[in-house]
Amino acid sequence: MKLQLFALVCALALAGCADHAARARLGIEDATVLKSGIGTSQDEAAGAVNAQWVDTYSSISNSRTAIAALQQRLDRLPADRHGYFQAKAQCWLDTARQARDDNDRWGFVEEAIGQAAALTLGVENGTVLSAANPALRTVSTVRPDLWKIVNTIKADPVIARCHQAQPLLACAEVGLMQAGHDAWIRSFSRAERRLPKIQDDLRQSAQIALQCQANLATAAPVIEPQATVLPRKITLRADSLFRFNGGDVAAILPAGRRQLDDVAARLKTASAVHELKITGYTDRLGTAAYNLRLSQQRARTVELYLRSHGVTVPVSARGMGSANQLVECRQTQREALRQCLGPNRRVEIEMVVAAP
């Protein structure tokens, strides 16, 4: 992986801005963000608040108090106890504080606090945390090329042992999410102004990883890189993976590509995983035949995507239609019912681990 890291350092050092609109330079793929004026979508696909979002974040009634409480908890943690996740929690908290001070009223403050809280709790309890970046309501994907660099660095085995490189990588990811929020609210110039810092953090992370690699090569004895630890099952919301009622590769949303890229990158270094079982599910709306067909298509599309991104372990994909519903909903208004049933529309990736 040394040549790949070296190439990333060079590419990030030479990155520049073409002489055209900031919006175009951001590489935005989400069509709803590129629209403005009359005819602009205001539905859930465009980021409208839904019941699940309210349930998740309504408890954050006072952002200033929540941020202060989380900062105290982070400050009590031993320094560098978990470099990547501890740094990521702090960066999310700093981002929440900055967004609050900027009077952001779009919901991003609450989302940033939620991410910081989840990571802080996980570090406190010593639980296995996922390095995947979530699909947030108020964040669109910007600069897919930089997200590819993020995933390449994360997939390099040396990163797991190079604690100095982890905080820079974690904060670059949060910075890209924050730039994605700027783009979501159509503040394209502000999003672009964040990019030099993000690129510099990624470049430094890759440079430090290269130095770690060199140090490890000369150290004795040589210790094999630690394999990536993955949860036994990853559940991906279909609403963040695919366009509504879509199931083929063309229907994958930018946020969905980012999630699948992260899964693929981590699977490449998860040596204990020897098989994947991918299962698609729909909600109960629609006919049984249609739901079965759509769930099968989505599961197979996820399989094809992971295959095309270097995942080589055996994979089985199947659709279960509306079986195994996670939530029961009784709303009478169709749109409210569809939003409530969101968790049932999902793709599950189960890791089959080799016996010790």
Protein backbone atom coordinates (compact mmCIF):
# COMPACT_ATOMS: atom_id res chain seq x y z
CA MET A 1 0.00 0.00 0.00
CA LYS A 2 3.05 2.31 0.22
CA LEU A 3 2.89 3.48 -3.40
CA GLN A 4 -0.82 4.15 -3.09
CA LEU A 5 -0.33 6.32 0.01
CA PHE A 6 2.55 8.15 -1.67
CA ALA A 7 0.36 8.89 -4.70
CA LEU A 8 -2.35 10.28 -2.44
CA VAL A 9 0.12 12.63 -0.74
CA CYS A 10 1.22 13.98 -4.11
CA ALA A 11 -2.31 14.36 -5.42
CA LEU A 12 -3.48 16.24 -2.32
CA ALA A 13 -0.46 18.55 -2.39
CA LEU A 14 -1.15 19.51 -6.01
CA ALA A 15 -4.96 19.81 -5.72
CA GLY A 16 -6.21 23.11 -7.13
CA CYS A 17 -9.41 24.82 -8.19
CA ALA A 18 -10.58 25.02 -11.77
CA ASP A 19 -11.83 28.41 -13.00
CA HIS A 20 -15.57 27.71 -12.98
CA ALA A 21 -18.51 27.80 -10.58
CA ALA A 22 -18.01 26.63 -6.99
CA ARG A 23 -21.04 24.41 -7.28
CA ALA A 24 -19.56 22.54 -10.22
CA ARG A 25 -16.20 22.17 -8.47
CA LEU A 26 -17.87 20.46 -5.53
CA GLY A 27 -18.87 17.50 -7.70
CA ILE A 28 -22.41 17.37 -6.29
CA GLU A 29 -24.41 14.40 -7.58
CA ASP A 30 -27.64 14.91 -5.62
CA ALA A 31 -30.10 16.39 -8.13
CA THR A 32 -32.27 17.96 -5.41
CA VAL A 33 -29.37 20.14 -4.24
CA LEU A 34 -28.73 21.40 -7.76
CA LYS A 35 -32.27 22.75 -8.10
CA SER A 36 -33.44 26.15 -6.88
CA GLY A 37 -36.38 28.49 -7.35
CA ILE A 38 -39.80 27.45 -8.62
CA GLY A 39 -40.26 23.68 -8.77
CA THR A 40 -37.66 22.89 -6.13
CA SER A 41 -38.56 19.68 -4.31
CA GLN A 42 -39.66 20.02 -0.68
CA ASP A 43 -40.31 16.33 0.01
CA GLU A 44 -38.49 13.85 2.24
CA ALA A 45 -36.05 12.91 -0.53
CA ALA A 46 -34.98 16.56 -0.58
CA GLY A 47 -34.40 16.53 3.17
CA ALA A 48 -37.75 17.39 4.69
CA VAL A 49 -38.09 16.49 8.37
CA ASN A 50 -39.70 13.10 8.98
CA ALA A 51 -40.95 11.31 12.08
CA GLN A 52 -37.77 9.29 12.51
CA TRP A 53 -35.63 12.45 12.54
CA VAL A 54 -37.87 14.04 15.17
CA ASP A 55 -37.77 10.89 17.33
CA THR A 56 -33.96 10.79 17.13
CA TYR A 57 -33.16 14.43 17.84
CA SER A 58 -36.13 15.93 19.68
CA SER A 59 -34.45 15.19 23.04
CA ILE A 60 -31.77 17.81 22.23
CA SER A 61 -33.84 20.74 23.44
CA ASN A 62 -30.92 22.93 24.51
CA SER A 63 -27.91 22.59 22.20
CA ARG A 64 -25.64 24.76 24.37
CA THR A 65 -26.23 22.58 27.44
CA ALA A 66 -25.86 19.36 25.44
CA ILE A 67 -22.54 20.49 23.95
CA ALA A 68 -21.17 21.53 27.34
CA ALA A 69 -22.16 18.20 28.93
CA LEU A 70 -20.57 16.20 26.11
CA GLN A 71 -17.38 18.26 26.30
CA GLN A 72 -17.07 17.44 30.00
CA ARG A 73 -17.44 13.74 29.27
CA LEU A 74 -14.85 13.86 26.50
CA ASP A 75 -12.42 15.78 28.70
CA ARG A 76 -12.67 13.04 31.35
CA LEU A 77 -11.55 10.35 28.92
CA PRO A 78 -7.86 9.30 29.01
CA ALA A 79 -5.89 11.02 26.26
CA ASP A 80 -5.64 9.00 23.04
CA ARG A 81 -7.58 6.10 24.53
CA HIS A 82 -9.16 5.53 21.14
CA GLY A 83 -7.46 7.96 18.76
CA TYR A 84 -9.79 7.79 15.78
CA PHE A 85 -13.17 7.69 17.51
CA GLN A 86 -12.24 10.06 20.32
CA ALA A 87 -10.93 12.60 17.81
CA LYS A 88 -14.01 12.17 15.64
CA ALA A 89 -16.30 12.81 18.61
CA GLN A 90 -14.39 16.01 19.41
CA CYS A 91 -14.52 17.17 15.78
CA TRP A 92 -18.28 16.57 15.64
CA LEU A 93 -18.66 18.50 18.89
CA ASP A 94 -16.57 21.40 17.55
CA THR A 95 -18.67 21.35 14.39
CA ALA A 96 -21.89 21.45 16.42
CA ARG A 97 -20.57 24.40 18.42
CA GLN A 98 -19.58 26.27 15.26
CA ALA A 99 -22.92 25.62 13.55
CA ARG A 100 -24.78 26.77 16.66
CA ASP A 101 -22.70 29.97 16.82
CA ASP A 102 -23.52 30.55 13.14
CA ASN A 103 -27.23 30.33 14.03
CA ASP A 104 -27.76 27.30 11.84
CA ARG A 105 -31.46 26.43 12.12
CA TRP A 106 -31.61 23.55 9.65
CA GLY A 107 -31.12 20.68 12.12
CA PHE A 108 -27.40 20.16 11.51
CA VAL A 109 -26.52 21.27 15.06
CA GLU A 110 -28.65 18.47 16.47
CA GLU A 111 -27.25 15.93 14.01
CA ALA A 112 -23.65 16.87 14.90
CA ILE A 113 -24.44 16.61 18.62
CA GLY A 114 -26.03 13.22 18.00
CA GLN A 115 -22.91 11.93 16.26
CA ALA A 116 -20.63 13.25 19.02
CA ALA A 117 -22.84 11.68 21.69
CA ALA A 118 -22.92 8.24 20.02
CA LEU A 119 -19.13 8.15 19.63
CA THR A 120 -18.49 9.45 23.14
CA LEU A 121 -20.79 6.85 24.67
CA GLY A 122 -19.13 4.10 22.64
CA VAL A 123 -15.62 5.12 23.73
CA GLU A 124 -16.75 5.38 27.37
CA ASN A 125 -18.26 1.89 27.30
CA GLY A 126 -15.50 0.29 25.23
CA THR A 127 -17.99 -0.94 22.61
CA VAL A 128 -17.05 -1.79 19.03
CA LEU A 129 -17.78 1.31 16.95
CA SER A 130 -18.29 1.61 13.21
CA ALA A 131 -16.04 3.96 11.25
CA ALA A 132 -18.75 4.40 8.62
CA ASN A 133 -20.07 7.92 8.15
CA PRO A 134 -23.85 8.20 8.50
CA ALA A 135 -26.31 9.45 5.93
CA LEU A 136 -27.63 12.62 7.60
CA ARG A 137 -30.78 14.46 6.57
CA THR A 138 -29.05 17.83 6.14
CA VAL A 139 -25.87 16.62 4.42
CA SER A 140 -25.25 16.02 0.71
CA THR A 141 -22.16 14.42 -0.75
CA VAL A 142 -19.52 16.85 -2.05
CA ARG A 143 -16.16 16.07 -3.65
CA PRO A 144 -16.60 12.32 -4.25
CA ASP A 145 -12.92 12.23 -5.20
CA LEU A 146 -11.93 13.24 -1.66
CA TRP A 147 -14.29 10.63 -0.20
CA LYS A 148 -12.47 8.01 -2.29
CA ILE A 149 -9.17 9.20 -0.81
CA VAL A 150 -10.68 8.96 2.69
CA ASN A 151 -11.72 5.36 2.08
CA THR A 152 -8.34 4.47 0.57
CA ILE A 153 -6.52 5.77 3.65
CA LYS A 154 -8.96 4.01 6.00
CA ALA A 155 -8.47 0.73 4.13
CA ASP A 156 -4.68 0.80 4.53
CA PRO A 157 -3.74 -1.66 7.31
CA VAL A 158 -1.06 0.64 8.70
CA ILE A 159 -3.69 3.18 9.82
CA ALA A 160 -4.90 0.80 12.56
CA ARG A 161 -1.45 1.01 14.19
CA CYS A 162 -0.62 4.62 13.32
CA HIS A 163 -2.47 6.54 16.04
CA GLN A 164 -0.92 9.87 15.02
CA ALA A 165 -2.59 9.69 11.59
CA GLN A 166 -6.07 8.79 12.86
CA PRO A 167 -7.26 12.16 14.30
CA LEU A 168 -6.44 14.03 11.09
CA LEU A 169 -8.33 11.44 9.04
CA ALA A 170 -11.34 11.53 11.40
CA CYS A 171 -11.57 15.32 11.34
CA ALA A 172 -11.23 15.41 7.54
CA GLU A 173 -14.28 13.14 7.34
CA VAL A 174 -16.29 15.41 9.64
CA GLY A 175 -15.11 18.41 7.62
CA LEU A 176 -16.41 16.82 4.42
CA MET A 177 -19.75 16.18 6.11
CA GLN A 178 -19.87 19.84 7.21
CA ALA A 179 -19.09 20.97 3.67
CA GLY A 180 -21.87 18.65 2.53
CA HIS A 181 -24.24 20.51 4.85
CA ASP A 182 -23.12 23.83 3.39
CA ALA A 183 -23.94 22.47 -0.06
CA TRP A 184 -27.31 21.16 1.17
CA ILE A 185 -28.31 24.69 2.20
CA ARG A 186 -26.93 25.99 -1.13
CA SER A 187 -23.97 27.78 0.46
CA PHE A 188 -21.59 26.43 -2.17
CA SER A 189 -18.86 29.03 -1.66
CA ARG A 190 -18.68 28.30 2.05
CA ALA A 191 -18.46 24.58 1.31
CA GLU A 192 -15.57 25.20 -1.05
CA ARG A 193 -13.73 27.34 1.50
CA ARG A 194 -13.55 24.33 3.80
CA LEU A 195 -11.78 22.16 1.25
CA PRO A 196 -8.14 23.37 1.63
CA LYS A 197 -8.15 22.44 5.34
CA ILE A 198 -9.74 19.06 4.55
CA GLN A 199 -7.21 18.33 1.82
CA ASP A 200 -4.34 19.35 4.09
CA ASP A 201 -5.59 17.07 6.88
CA LEU A 202 -5.83 14.15 4.45
CA ARG A 203 -2.37 14.87 3.05
CA GLN A 204 -0.85 15.02 6.53
CA SER A 205 -2.67 11.83 7.56
CA ALA A 206 -1.27 9.99 4.53
CA GLN A 207 2.23 11.40 5.13
CA ILE A 208 2.20 10.33 8.78
CA ALA A 209 0.94 6.88 7.76
CA LEU A 210 3.85 6.60 5.33
CA GLN A 211 6.29 7.46 8.13
CA CYS A 212 4.63 4.91 10.40
CA GLN A 213 4.97 2.34 7.65
CA ALA A 214 8.66 3.10 7.31
CA ASN A 215 9.18 2.88 11.08
CA LEU A 216 7.32 -0.40 11.29
CA ALA A 217 9.37 -1.84 8.43
CA THR A 218 12.61 -1.22 10.34
CA ALA A 219 11.28 -2.29 13.73
CA ALA A 220 11.85 -5.78 15.10
CA PRO A 221 10.01 -7.97 15.51
CA VAL A 222 7.58 -7.25 12.69
CA ILE A 223 3.97 -7.44 13.89
CA GLU A 224 1.26 -8.29 11.42
CA PRO A 225 -1.26 -5.48 10.83
CA GLN A 226 -4.39 -5.72 12.95
CA ALA A 227 -7.39 -6.84 10.92
CA THR A 228 -10.42 -4.59 10.73
CA VAL A 229 -13.13 -5.52 13.24
CA LEU A 230 -16.60 -5.40 11.73
CA PRO A 231 -19.96 -5.89 13.42
CA ARG A 232 -21.64 -9.19 12.61
CA LYS A 233 -24.42 -7.37 10.78
CA ILE A 234 -24.64 -3.98 9.08
CA THR A 235 -28.11 -2.59 8.41
CA LEU A 236 -28.40 0.08 5.71
CA ARG A 237 -31.59 2.09 5.32
CA ALA A 238 -32.92 1.68 1.77
CA ASP A 239 -34.07 5.31 1.81
CA SER A 240 -30.45 6.46 2.08
CA LEU A 241 -29.18 3.84 -0.39
CA PHE A 242 -31.63 4.14 -3.27
CA ARG A 243 -34.02 6.58 -4.86
CA PHE A 244 -37.64 5.91 -3.86
CA ASN A 245 -38.83 2.68 -5.54
CA GLY A 246 -35.43 2.28 -7.23
CA GLY A 247 -33.22 -0.75 -6.90
CA ASP A 248 -30.58 -0.85 -9.67
CA VAL A 249 -27.09 0.64 -9.72
CA ALA A 250 -28.32 3.83 -11.40
CA ALA A 251 -30.73 4.36 -8.47
CA ILE A 252 -27.99 4.38 -5.81
CA LEU A 253 -27.90 7.77 -4.07
CA PRO A 254 -24.61 9.62 -3.41
CA ALA A 255 -24.96 8.95 0.32
CA GLY A 256 -25.56 5.28 -0.48
CA ARG A 257 -22.39 5.09 -2.57
CA ARG A 258 -20.46 6.59 0.31
CA GLN A 259 -21.81 4.00 2.75
CA LEU A 260 -21.10 1.10 0.38
CA ASP A 261 -17.60 2.43 -0.38
CA ASP A 262 -16.87 2.44 3.33
CA VAL A 263 -18.19 -1.12 3.78
CA ALA A 264 -16.11 -2.33 0.82
CA ALA A 265 -12.94 -0.64 2.08
CA ARG A 266 -13.29 -2.20 5.53
CA LEU A 267 -14.12 -5.66 4.19
CA LYS A 268 -10.83 -5.74 2.29
CA THR A 269 -8.90 -5.76 5.58
CA ALA A 270 -11.34 -7.89 7.60
CA SER A 271 -9.52 -11.20 7.25
CA ALA A 272 -11.87 -13.11 9.58
CA VAL A 273 -14.89 -12.61 7.29
CA HIS A 274 -15.18 -15.49 4.84
CA GLU A 275 -18.75 -15.01 3.55
CA LEU A 276 -21.39 -12.28 3.22
CA LYS A 277 -25.15 -12.78 3.33
CA ILE A 278 -27.01 -9.82 1.86
CA THR A 279 -30.77 -9.60 2.42
CA GLY A 280 -33.14 -6.97 1.07
CA TYR A 281 -36.43 -5.99 2.72
CA THR A 282 -39.30 -3.65 1.83
CA ASP A 283 -42.16 -2.19 3.82
CA ARG A 284 -45.66 -3.73 3.67
CA LEU A 285 -47.05 -1.26 1.13
CA GLY A 286 -47.56 -2.61 -2.40
CA THR A 287 -48.17 -6.12 -3.65
CA ALA A 288 -46.24 -9.10 -2.36
CA ALA A 289 -44.84 -9.84 -5.84
CA TYR A 290 -43.62 -6.27 -6.33
CA ASN A 291 -42.02 -6.12 -2.88
CA LEU A 292 -40.24 -9.43 -3.37
CA ARG A 293 -38.90 -8.30 -6.76
CA LEU A 294 -37.69 -4.93 -5.39
CA SER A 295 -36.02 -6.49 -2.33
CA GLN A 296 -34.22 -9.03 -4.53
CA GLN A 297 -33.04 -6.33 -6.91
CA ARG A 298 -31.65 -4.17 -4.11
CA ALA A 299 -29.80 -7.05 -2.48
CA ARG A 300 -28.23 -8.07 -5.80
CA THR A 301 -27.28 -4.46 -6.58
CA VAL A 302 -25.45 -4.19 -3.26
CA GLU A 303 -23.67 -7.46 -4.07
CA LEU A 304 -22.63 -6.19 -7.51
CA TYR A 305 -21.44 -2.89 -6.07
CA LEU A 306 -19.27 -4.54 -3.43
CA ARG A 307 -17.89 -6.97 -6.01
CA SER A 308 -16.99 -4.09 -8.35
CA HIS A 309 -15.14 -2.41 -5.48
CA GLY A 310 -12.81 -5.28 -4.68
CA VAL A 311 -14.75 -7.48 -2.24
CA THR A 312 -13.72 -11.06 -3.09
CA VAL A 313 -15.30 -13.23 -0.37
CA PRO A 314 -18.27 -15.42 -1.38
CA VAL A 315 -21.56 -13.51 -1.35
CA SER A 316 -25.16 -14.69 -1.34
CA ALA A 317 -27.97 -12.20 -2.01
CA ARG A 318 -31.68 -12.67 -1.54
CA GLY A 319 -34.87 -10.64 -1.17
CA MET A 320 -37.44 -11.22 1.54
CA GLY A 321 -40.06 -8.69 0.48
CA SER A 322 -41.97 -7.33 3.47
CA ALA A 323 -40.95 -10.10 5.88
CA ASN A 324 -39.38 -9.42 9.29
CA GLN A 325 -40.80 -5.93 9.80
CA LEU A 326 -38.89 -3.90 12.40
CA VAL A 327 -41.66 -1.39 13.18
CA GLU A 328 -45.44 -1.50 13.17
CA CYS A 329 -47.23 1.65 11.98
CA ARG A 330 -50.93 2.49 11.99
CA GLN A 331 -51.03 6.00 10.52
CA THR A 332 -53.99 6.65 8.23
CA GLN A 333 -52.36 9.38 6.13
CA ARG A 334 -50.25 7.67 3.46
CA GLU A 335 -47.22 9.94 3.57
CA ALA A 336 -47.02 9.74 7.38
CA LEU A 337 -47.38 5.95 7.13
CA ARG A 338 -44.61 5.72 4.52
CA GLN A 339 -42.25 7.75 6.71
CA CYS A 340 -43.03 5.65 9.79
CA LEU A 341 -42.33 2.44 7.85
CA GLY A 342 -38.88 3.68 6.79
CA PRO A 343 -36.84 1.33 9.05
CA ASN A 344 -38.50 -1.68 7.39
CA ARG A 345 -37.04 -0.66 4.01
CA ARG A 346 -33.48 -1.87 4.41
CA VAL A 347 -30.59 -4.01 3.22
CA GLU A 348 -28.81 -6.16 5.80
CA ILE A 349 -25.22 -7.35 5.30
CA GLU A 350 -24.41 -10.27 7.60
CA MET A 351 -20.75 -11.21 8.15
CA VAL A 352 -20.05 -14.93 8.42
CA VAL A 353 -16.82 -15.20 10.41
CA ALA A 354 -14.42 -18.09 10.13
CA ALA A 355 -14.23 -20.33 13.20
CA PRO A 356 -11.11 -19.73 15.31
